Amino acid sequence: MKGYMYILLCSDGSYYTGSTNDLERRLAQHQNGEGANHTKKRLPVSLLYYEEYQRIDEAFYREKQVQG
């Protein structure tokens, strides 16, 4: 299953990094206030960057690298 690591730009200028197997669905969740606590308080958000991986665990690993 494909995976994506993504970076969002929040309305207050902060960033959010996440991973998912369905990028479009996850972005819609963030925009609707159904995403992480960080993003729901800082709407709207915009997709700044993403990387695609063959497996979701690779995307999750990359997310942790970027966050660290």
PDB file of N, CA and C in Angstrom:
ATOM      1  N   MET A   1       0.845  -1.183   0.000  1.00  0.00           N
ATOM      2  CA  MET A   1       0.000   0.000   0.000  1.00  0.00           C
ATOM      3  C   MET A   1       0.890   1.246   0.000  1.00  0.00           C
ATOM      4  N   LYS A   2       0.604   2.163  -0.883  1.00  0.00           N
ATOM      5  CA  LYS A   2       1.377   3.402  -0.960  1.00  0.00           C
ATOM      6  C   LYS A   2       1.228   4.223   0.303  1.00  0.00           C
ATOM      7  N   GLY A   3       2.229   5.056   0.537  1.00  0.00           N
ATOM      8  CA  GLY A   3       2.191   5.958   1.668  1.00  0.00           C
ATOM      9  C   GLY A   3       2.716   7.319   1.265  1.00  0.00           C
ATOM     10  N   TYR A   4       2.306   8.322   1.997  1.00  0.00           N
ATOM     11  CA  TYR A   4       2.726   9.697   1.731  1.00  0.00           C
ATOM     12  C   TYR A   4       3.176  10.348   3.028  1.00  0.00           C
ATOM     13  N   MET A   5       4.281  11.068   2.956  1.00  0.00           N
ATOM     14  CA  MET A   5       4.702  11.954   4.029  1.00  0.00           C
ATOM     15  C   MET A   5       4.394  13.343   3.514  1.00  0.00           C
ATOM     16  N   TYR A   6       3.766  14.174   4.345  1.00  0.00           N
ATOM     17  CA  TYR A   6       3.362  15.488   3.864  1.00  0.00           C
ATOM     18  C   TYR A   6       3.656  16.564   4.903  1.00  0.00           C
ATOM     19  N   ILE A   7       3.784  17.779   4.412  1.00  0.00           N
ATOM     20  CA  ILE A   7       3.988  18.941   5.275  1.00  0.00           C
ATOM     21  C   ILE A   7       2.927  19.969   4.927  1.00  0.00           C
ATOM     22  N   LEU A   8       2.215  20.427   5.948  1.00  0.00           N
ATOM     23  CA  LEU A   8       1.191  21.444   5.778  1.00  0.00           C
ATOM     24  C   LEU A   8       1.683  22.778   6.335  1.00  0.00           C
ATOM     25  N   LEU A   9       1.260  23.846   5.710  1.00  0.00           N
ATOM     26  CA  LEU A   9       1.477  25.189   6.228  1.00  0.00           C
ATOM     27  C   LEU A   9       0.156  25.635   6.833  1.00  0.00           C
ATOM     28  N   CYS A  10       0.196  25.979   8.114  1.00  0.00           N
ATOM     29  CA  CYS A  10      -1.013  26.402   8.829  1.00  0.00           C
ATOM     30  C   CYS A  10      -1.192  27.912   8.726  1.00  0.00           C
ATOM     31  N   SER A  11      -2.396  28.376   9.009  1.00  0.00           N
ATOM     32  CA  SER A  11      -2.716  29.798   8.857  1.00  0.00           C
ATOM     33  C   SER A  11      -1.882  30.705   9.751  1.00  0.00           C
ATOM     34  N   ASP A  12      -1.350  30.178  10.852  1.00  0.00           N
ATOM     35  CA  ASP A  12      -0.521  30.995  11.739  1.00  0.00           C
ATOM     36  C   ASP A  12       0.965  30.944  11.378  1.00  0.00           C
ATOM     37  N   GLY A  13       1.301  30.289  10.265  1.00  0.00           N
ATOM     38  CA  GLY A  13       2.687  30.203   9.823  1.00  0.00           C
ATOM     39  C   GLY A  13       3.437  28.999  10.364  1.00  0.00           C
ATOM     40  N   SER A  14       2.783  28.180  11.188  1.00  0.00           N
ATOM     41  CA  SER A  14       3.423  26.972  11.700  1.00  0.00           C
ATOM     42  C   SER A  14       3.286  25.846  10.674  1.00  0.00           C
ATOM     43  N   TYR A  15       4.015  24.774  10.920  1.00  0.00           N
ATOM     44  CA  TYR A  15       4.014  23.622  10.022  1.00  0.00           C
ATOM     45  C   TYR A  15       3.502  22.388  10.740  1.00  0.00           C
ATOM     46  N   TYR A  16       2.932  21.479   9.961  1.00  0.00           N
ATOM     47  CA  TYR A  16       2.500  20.191  10.485  1.00  0.00           C
ATOM     48  C   TYR A  16       3.000  19.124   9.530  1.00  0.00           C
ATOM     49  N   THR A  17       3.621  18.087  10.072  1.00  0.00           N
ATOM     50  CA  THR A  17       4.120  16.977   9.272  1.00  0.00           C
ATOM     51  C   THR A  17       3.348  15.723   9.642  1.00  0.00           C
ATOM     52  N   GLY A  18       2.886  14.995   8.635  1.00  0.00           N
ATOM     53  CA  GLY A  18       2.132  13.775   8.881  1.00  0.00           C
ATOM     54  C   GLY A  18       2.404  12.734   7.821  1.00  0.00           C
ATOM     55  N   SER A  19       1.766  11.579   7.976  1.00  0.00           N
ATOM     56  CA  SER A  19       1.859  10.513   6.977  1.00  0.00           C
ATOM     57  C   SER A  19       0.492   9.864   6.839  1.00  0.00           C
ATOM     58  N   THR A  20       0.212   9.350   5.669  1.00  0.00           N
ATOM     59  CA  THR A  20      -1.092   8.761   5.381  1.00  0.00           C
ATOM     60  C   THR A  20      -0.985   7.832   4.178  1.00  0.00           C
ATOM     61  N   ASN A  21      -2.003   7.005   3.974  1.00  0.00           N
ATOM     62  CA  ASN A  21      -2.059   6.183   2.768  1.00  0.00           C
ATOM     63  C   ASN A  21      -3.036   6.762   1.743  1.00  0.00           C
ATOM     64  N   ASP A  22      -3.727   7.841   2.095  1.00  0.00           N
ATOM     65  CA  ASP A  22      -4.660   8.508   1.180  1.00  0.00           C
ATOM     66  C   ASP A  22      -4.529  10.021   1.376  1.00  0.00           C
ATOM     67  N   LEU A  23      -3.690  10.634   0.588  1.00  0.00           N
ATOM     68  CA  LEU A  23      -3.348  12.038   0.784  1.00  0.00           C
ATOM     69  C   LEU A  23      -4.551  12.964   0.605  1.00  0.00           C
ATOM     70  N   GLU A  24      -5.345  12.764  -0.426  1.00  0.00           N
ATOM     71  CA  GLU A  24      -6.499  13.635  -0.665  1.00  0.00           C
ATOM     72  C   GLU A  24      -7.501  13.573   0.484  1.00  0.00           C
ATOM     73  N   ARG A  25      -7.801  12.367   0.948  1.00  0.00           N
ATOM     74  CA  ARG A  25      -8.747  12.194   2.062  1.00  0.00           C
ATOM     75  C   ARG A  25      -8.203  12.862   3.322  1.00  0.00           C
ATOM     76  N   ARG A  26      -6.916  12.685   3.597  1.00  0.00           N
ATOM     77  CA  ARG A  26      -6.324  13.251   4.804  1.00  0.00           C
ATOM     78  C   ARG A  26      -6.312  14.776   4.755  1.00  0.00           C
ATOM     79  N   LEU A  27      -6.017  15.346   3.595  1.00  0.00           N
ATOM     80  CA  LEU A  27      -6.052  16.802   3.472  1.00  0.00           C
ATOM     81  C   LEU A  27      -7.460  17.339   3.709  1.00  0.00           C
ATOM     82  N   ALA A  28      -8.453  16.646   3.178  1.00  0.00           N
ATOM     83  CA  ALA A  28      -9.846  17.057   3.399  1.00  0.00           C
ATOM     84  C   ALA A  28     -10.195  16.987   4.885  1.00  0.00           C
ATOM     85  N   GLN A  29      -9.718  15.964   5.570  1.00  0.00           N
ATOM     86  CA  GLN A  29      -9.961  15.855   7.008  1.00  0.00           C
ATOM     87  C   GLN A  29      -9.358  17.040   7.750  1.00  0.00           C
ATOM     88  N   HIS A  30      -8.121  17.382   7.407  1.00  0.00           N
ATOM     89  CA  HIS A  30      -7.486  18.533   8.050  1.00  0.00           C
ATOM     90  C   HIS A  30      -8.300  19.810   7.798  1.00  0.00           C
ATOM     91  N   GLN A  31      -8.706  20.036   6.562  1.00  0.00           N
ATOM     92  CA  GLN A  31      -9.452  21.255   6.213  1.00  0.00           C
ATOM     93  C   GLN A  31     -10.800  21.332   6.919  1.00  0.00           C
ATOM     94  N   ASN A  32     -11.397  20.169   7.195  1.00  0.00           N
ATOM     95  CA  ASN A  32     -12.703  20.122   7.859  1.00  0.00           C
ATOM     96  C   ASN A  32     -12.597  20.125   9.377  1.00  0.00           C
ATOM     97  N   GLY A  33     -11.390  20.297   9.898  1.00  0.00           N
ATOM     98  CA  GLY A  33     -11.208  20.314  11.344  1.00  0.00           C
ATOM     99  C   GLY A  33     -11.223  18.939  11.975  1.00  0.00           C
ATOM    100  N   GLU A  34     -11.095  17.891  11.164  1.00  0.00           N
ATOM    101  CA  GLU A  34     -11.111  16.512  11.655  1.00  0.00           C
ATOM    102  C   GLU A  34      -9.709  15.933  11.767  1.00  0.00           C
ATOM    103  N   GLY A  35      -8.704  16.750  11.515  1.00  0.00           N
ATOM    104  CA  GLY A  35      -7.324  16.280  11.559  1.00  0.00           C
ATOM    105  C   GLY A  35      -6.753  16.392  12.954  1.00  0.00           C
ATOM    106  N   ALA A  36      -5.479  16.614  13.025  1.00  0.00           N
ATOM    107  CA  ALA A  36      -4.767  16.712  14.298  1.00  0.00           C
ATOM    108  C   ALA A  36      -5.183  17.968  15.063  1.00  0.00           C
ATOM    109  N   ASN A  37      -5.006  17.932  16.368  1.00  0.00           N
ATOM    110  CA  ASN A  37      -5.315  19.104  17.195  1.00  0.00           C
ATOM    111  C   ASN A  37      -4.548  20.334  16.728  1.00  0.00           C
ATOM    112  N   HIS A  38      -3.308  20.141  16.309  1.00  0.00           N
ATOM    113  CA  HIS A  38      -2.494  21.274  15.870  1.00  0.00           C
ATOM    114  C   HIS A  38      -3.154  21.983  14.686  1.00  0.00           C
ATOM    115  N   THR A  39      -3.631  21.227  13.714  1.00  0.00           N
ATOM    116  CA  THR A  39      -4.191  21.859  12.514  1.00  0.00           C
ATOM    117  C   THR A  39      -5.605  22.379  12.721  1.00  0.00           C
ATOM    118  N   LYS A  40      -6.413  21.705  13.517  1.00  0.00           N
ATOM    119  CA  LYS A  40      -7.811  22.147  13.671  1.00  0.00           C
ATOM    120  C   LYS A  40      -7.909  23.518  14.326  1.00  0.00           C
ATOM    121  N   LYS A  41      -6.874  23.922  15.044  1.00  0.00           N
ATOM    122  CA  LYS A  41      -6.853  25.245  15.678  1.00  0.00           C
ATOM    123  C   LYS A  41      -6.210  26.304  14.786  1.00  0.00           C
ATOM    124  N   ARG A  42      -5.714  25.881  13.603  1.00  0.00           N
ATOM    125  CA  ARG A  42      -4.945  26.791  12.750  1.00  0.00           C
ATOM    126  C   ARG A  42      -5.406  26.735  11.292  1.00  0.00           C
ATOM    127  N   LEU A  43      -6.703  26.637  11.092  1.00  0.00           N
ATOM    128  CA  LEU A  43      -7.262  26.552   9.740  1.00  0.00           C
ATOM    129  C   LEU A  43      -7.317  27.929   9.093  1.00  0.00           C
ATOM    130  N   PRO A  44      -7.261  27.977   7.777  1.00  0.00           N
ATOM    131  CA  PRO A  44      -7.072  26.858   6.861  1.00  0.00           C
ATOM    132  C   PRO A  44      -5.601  26.439   6.785  1.00  0.00           C
ATOM    133  N   VAL A  45      -5.395  25.246   6.255  1.00  0.00           N
ATOM    134  CA  VAL A  45      -4.048  24.743   6.021  1.00  0.00           C
ATOM    135  C   VAL A  45      -3.859  24.549   4.526  1.00  0.00           C
ATOM    136  N   SER A  46      -2.612  24.543   4.084  1.00  0.00           N
ATOM    137  CA  SER A  46      -2.323  24.275   2.671  1.00  0.00           C
ATOM    138  C   SER A  46      -1.182  23.279   2.575  1.00  0.00           C
ATOM    139  N   LEU A  47      -1.264  22.433   1.572  1.00  0.00           N
ATOM    140  CA  LEU A  47      -0.222  21.438   1.339  1.00  0.00           C
ATOM    141  C   LEU A  47       1.012  22.144   0.803  1.00  0.00           C
ATOM    142  N   LEU A  48       2.090  22.018   1.534  1.00  0.00           N
ATOM    143  CA  LEU A  48       3.337  22.666   1.165  1.00  0.00           C
ATOM    144  C   LEU A  48       4.246  21.717   0.393  1.00  0.00           C
ATOM    145  N   TYR A  49       4.242  20.431   0.798  1.00  0.00           N
ATOM    146  CA  TYR A  49       5.199  19.471   0.244  1.00  0.00           C
ATOM    147  C   TYR A  49       4.722  18.061   0.545  1.00  0.00           C
ATOM    148  N   TYR A  50       5.032  17.107  -0.346  1.00  0.00           N
ATOM    149  CA  TYR A  50       4.774  15.707  -0.029  1.00  0.00           C
ATOM    150  C   TYR A  50       5.753  14.811  -0.758  1.00  0.00           C
ATOM    151  N   GLU A  51       5.941  13.624  -0.213  1.00  0.00           N
ATOM    152  CA  GLU A  51       6.761  12.579  -0.819  1.00  0.00           C
ATOM    153  C   GLU A  51       5.930  11.307  -0.861  1.00  0.00           C
ATOM    154  N   GLU A  52       6.074  10.541  -1.939  1.00  0.00           N
ATOM    155  CA  GLU A  52       5.320   9.301  -2.101  1.00  0.00           C
ATOM    156  C   GLU A  52       6.250   8.114  -1.906  1.00  0.00           C
ATOM    157  N   TYR A  53       5.761   7.091  -1.193  1.00  0.00           N
ATOM    158  CA  TYR A  53       6.535   5.892  -0.906  1.00  0.00           C
ATOM    159  C   TYR A  53       5.737   4.654  -1.294  1.00  0.00           C
ATOM    160  N   GLN A  54       6.421   3.558  -1.481  1.00  0.00           N
ATOM    161  CA  GLN A  54       5.764   2.304  -1.847  1.00  0.00           C
ATOM    162  C   GLN A  54       4.962   1.716  -0.694  1.00  0.00           C
ATOM    163  N   ARG A  55       5.395   2.020   0.536  1.00  0.00           N
ATOM    164  CA  ARG A  55       4.723   1.462   1.709  1.00  0.00           C
ATOM    165  C   ARG A  55       4.496   2.558   2.747  1.00  0.00           C
ATOM    166  N   ILE A  56       3.417   2.418   3.517  1.00  0.00           N
ATOM    167  CA  ILE A  56       3.071   3.412   4.522  1.00  0.00           C
ATOM    168  C   ILE A  56       4.113   3.470   5.631  1.00  0.00           C
ATOM    169  N   ASP A  57       4.740   2.348   5.973  1.00  0.00           N
ATOM    170  CA  ASP A  57       5.742   2.382   7.036  1.00  0.00           C
ATOM    171  C   ASP A  57       6.958   3.211   6.638  1.00  0.00           C
ATOM    172  N   GLU A  58       7.267   3.248   5.347  1.00  0.00           N
ATOM    173  CA  GLU A  58       8.367   4.095   4.870  1.00  0.00           C
ATOM    174  C   GLU A  58       8.001   5.572   5.013  1.00  0.00           C
ATOM    175  N   ALA A  59       6.752   5.904   4.723  1.00  0.00           N
ATOM    176  CA  ALA A  59       6.286   7.283   4.870  1.00  0.00           C
ATOM    177  C   ALA A  59       6.298   7.700   6.342  1.00  0.00           C
ATOM    178  N   PHE A  60       5.874   6.799   7.216  1.00  0.00           N
ATOM    179  CA  PHE A  60       5.871   7.086   8.648  1.00  0.00           C
ATOM    180  C   PHE A  60       7.303   7.302   9.156  1.00  0.00           C
ATOM    181  N   TYR A  61       8.226   6.471   8.700  1.00  0.00           N
ATOM    182  CA  TYR A  61       9.632   6.619   9.088  1.00  0.00           C
ATOM    183  C   TYR A  61      10.163   7.983   8.643  1.00  0.00           C
ATOM    184  N   ARG A  62       9.830   8.371   7.424  1.00  0.00           N
ATOM    185  CA  ARG A  62      10.274   9.675   6.906  1.00  0.00           C
ATOM    186  C   ARG A  62       9.636  10.817   7.700  1.00  0.00           C
ATOM    187  N   GLU A  63       8.374  10.673   8.071  1.00  0.00           N
ATOM    188  CA  GLU A  63       7.711  11.682   8.895  1.00  0.00           C
ATOM    189  C   GLU A  63       8.498  11.916  10.176  1.00  0.00           C
ATOM    190  N   LYS A  64       8.896  10.837  10.840  1.00  0.00           N
ATOM    191  CA  LYS A  64       9.650  10.964  12.088  1.00  0.00           C
ATOM    192  C   LYS A  64      11.021  11.592  11.862  1.00  0.00           C
ATOM    193  N   GLN A  65      11.635  11.320  10.725  1.00  0.00           N
ATOM    194  CA  GLN A  65      12.912  11.958  10.383  1.00  0.00           C
ATOM    195  C   GLN A  65      12.740  13.465  10.265  1.00  0.00           C
ATOM    196  N   VAL A  66      11.712  13.875   9.546  1.00  0.00           N
ATOM    197  CA  VAL A  66      11.463  15.301   9.322  1.00  0.00           C
ATOM    198  C   VAL A  66      11.122  15.992  10.641  1.00  0.00           C
ATOM    199  N   GLN A  67      10.321  15.348  11.468  1.00  0.00           N
ATOM    200  CA  GLN A  67       9.952  15.934  12.749  1.00  0.00           C
ATOM    201  C   GLN A  67      11.154  16.062  13.680  1.00  0.00           C
ATOM    202  N   GLY A  68      12.096  15.143  13.546  1.00  0.00           N
ATOM    203  CA  GLY A  68      13.268  15.133  14.438  1.00  0.00           C
ATOM    204  C   GLY A  68      14.282  16.135  14.011  1.00  0.00           C
TER     205      GLY A  68
END
